[in-house]
C-alpha cells in the first residue's frame, strides 16, 4: 500500500482536507497513513466523524473527535494509528484535516487505510406486528 510516486498533495500550504463517505455504518479502530519520508509528511491530523460539508474555516473552529500527532514511524505502510473506540463506533463519514506537516510548504499523503468493521443495522421493514 502506498506507492510514493502517487500521492495526494495540498495546494498552496501545508493544510489539506480529505472527506471519506462510507457505504455502510462502520466502527473504526485504527487508520494507517503512508507518506513520504521528508518534511511534507503530515504531522498533526484532526479527525472528525459524521460531519458533512466541512470547510477549512469549520475544521479550525470545531473540536475534533481526535487529534493525531504523527511520527515518521506512523507514516510507514505497516503501522496503524489507533483511534478512540468510543468516538468512532457508528461512523458514516470521516473528515481528515491535515493541519500541519514537518515543515514543508505542502503536505503529501500516498496511502490511507481504515481498520474496523461494519455495524449491523436494524432493517425496520423486517419487523412484524406481534399480538
Foldseek 3Di string as FASTA:
>chain_A
DFDAVDKDKDDFFAKDKDKFFDPAWWQFWWKQWAYDPDQQEFAKKFKAFPDPDDDPVRVVPDHGQDIDGDDSVSNDRPHIDTDDRVSRHTGRMMMIIRPHTNDDGMHITRDMDTDTGGDDDDDVVPDDDDD
